[in-house]
Amino acid sequence: MIGKISSICSIALVLIGMSLYSLARPQTGEMARREPHLSAAYGHLERAKAELEKAAPNKGGHRERAMQLVDQAMQECMRGEDYDQNRPR
C-alpha cells in the first residue's frame, strides 16, 4: 500500500515538473513559421496530453507511462526548435 502511494506520488511529481517545463516553454509563433509540421505535431501532443489527463487512471500504469512519453516527445520538439534556432547557417 505504501509502495503504491509512493509510486503515485512519484508519477505525479514527474508530471507536474514536465507540465511546468511546458508552461515555461510554450509553442512559439517562430516555431509555427519556420517549422509548421513540428509546430503541428507539438499541438497534437498538447491535445493528446489533455485527453490522457482526463482518462480514468485504471489502466495498470499505462496511462501514466503514455503521459510521460507525450511529455518527452514535447520536450524533443522544443529541443529541435532550439537546435534549429541556434545552429550555424
Protein backbone atom coordinates (compact mmCIF):
# COMPACT_ATOMS: atom_id res chain seq x y z
CA MET A 1 0.00 0.00 0.00
CA ILE A 2 2.78 2.44 0.94
CA GLY A 3 4.66 1.44 -2.21
CA LYS A 4 1.62 2.17 -4.36
CA ILE A 5 1.14 5.59 -2.75
CA SER A 6 4.84 6.32 -3.22
CA SER A 7 4.63 5.34 -6.90
CA ILE A 8 1.59 7.55 -7.46
CA CYS A 9 3.28 10.49 -5.75
CA SER A 10 6.44 9.98 -7.81
CA ILE A 11 4.49 9.92 -11.06
CA ALA A 12 2.54 13.00 -10.02
CA LEU A 13 5.76 14.88 -9.28
CA VAL A 14 7.26 13.94 -12.64
CA LEU A 15 4.12 15.04 -14.47
CA ILE A 16 3.92 18.32 -12.56
CA GLY A 17 7.57 19.03 -13.32
CA MET A 18 7.14 18.33 -17.00
CA SER A 19 3.96 20.39 -17.12
CA LEU A 20 5.79 23.34 -15.59
CA TYR A 21 8.52 22.93 -18.21
CA SER A 22 5.86 23.01 -20.92
CA LEU A 23 4.32 26.16 -19.47
CA ALA A 24 7.71 27.83 -19.29
CA ARG A 25 8.46 26.92 -22.91
CA PRO A 26 5.21 27.28 -24.83
CA GLN A 27 4.95 26.77 -28.55
CA THR A 28 6.15 29.92 -30.27
CA GLY A 29 4.96 31.74 -33.34
CA GLU A 30 8.50 31.50 -34.67
CA MET A 31 8.25 27.71 -34.48
CA ALA A 32 4.98 27.82 -36.43
CA ARG A 33 6.50 29.99 -39.16
CA ARG A 34 9.80 28.14 -39.56
CA GLU A 35 8.62 24.57 -38.94
CA PRO A 36 4.87 24.27 -39.45
CA HIS A 37 4.94 20.47 -39.26
CA LEU A 38 6.89 20.44 -36.00
CA SER A 39 4.52 23.07 -34.66
CA ALA A 40 1.50 20.99 -35.70
CA ALA A 41 2.98 17.90 -34.06
CA TYR A 42 3.52 19.86 -30.84
CA GLY A 43 -0.12 20.98 -30.91
CA HIS A 44 -1.28 17.38 -31.39
CA LEU A 45 0.87 16.33 -28.44
CA GLU A 46 -0.69 19.04 -26.28
CA ARG A 47 -4.16 17.74 -27.15
CA ALA A 48 -3.10 14.14 -26.52
CA LYS A 49 -1.76 15.12 -23.11
CA ALA A 50 -5.04 16.84 -22.23
CA GLU A 51 -7.04 13.75 -23.24
CA LEU A 52 -4.78 11.42 -21.27
CA GLU A 53 -5.16 13.63 -18.19
CA LYS A 54 -8.95 13.28 -18.48
CA ALA A 55 -8.81 9.48 -18.85
CA ALA A 56 -9.50 7.23 -15.86
CA PRO A 57 -6.28 6.11 -14.17
CA ASN A 58 -7.25 2.43 -14.03
CA LYS A 59 -5.04 1.25 -16.89
CA GLY A 60 -2.35 -0.61 -14.97
CA GLY A 61 0.09 2.31 -15.19
CA HIS A 62 -0.08 2.50 -18.99
CA ARG A 63 -1.94 5.84 -18.98
CA GLU A 64 0.76 7.36 -16.77
CA ARG A 65 3.51 5.92 -18.99
CA ALA A 66 1.78 7.33 -22.06
CA MET A 67 1.63 10.75 -20.39
CA GLN A 68 5.37 10.57 -19.65
CA LEU A 69 6.12 9.67 -23.26
CA VAL A 70 3.97 12.53 -24.56
CA ASP A 71 5.82 14.95 -22.27
CA GLN A 72 9.12 13.53 -23.52
CA ALA A 73 8.01 14.00 -27.14
CA MET A 74 7.02 17.61 -26.38
CA GLN A 75 10.46 18.25 -24.91
CA GLU A 76 12.10 16.78 -28.01
CA CYS A 77 10.07 19.13 -30.22
CA MET A 78 11.27 22.09 -28.17
CA ARG A 79 14.87 20.83 -28.31
CA GLY A 80 14.54 20.57 -32.08
CA GLU A 81 13.34 24.15 -32.24
CA ASP A 82 16.22 25.29 -30.02
CA TYR A 83 18.69 23.43 -32.20
CA ASP A 84 17.26 24.97 -35.36
CA GLN A 85 17.42 28.48 -33.93
CA ASN A 86 20.97 28.14 -32.61
CA ARG A 87 22.72 26.18 -35.35
CA PRO A 88 25.13 27.99 -37.65
CA ARG A 89 23.70 28.95 -41.00
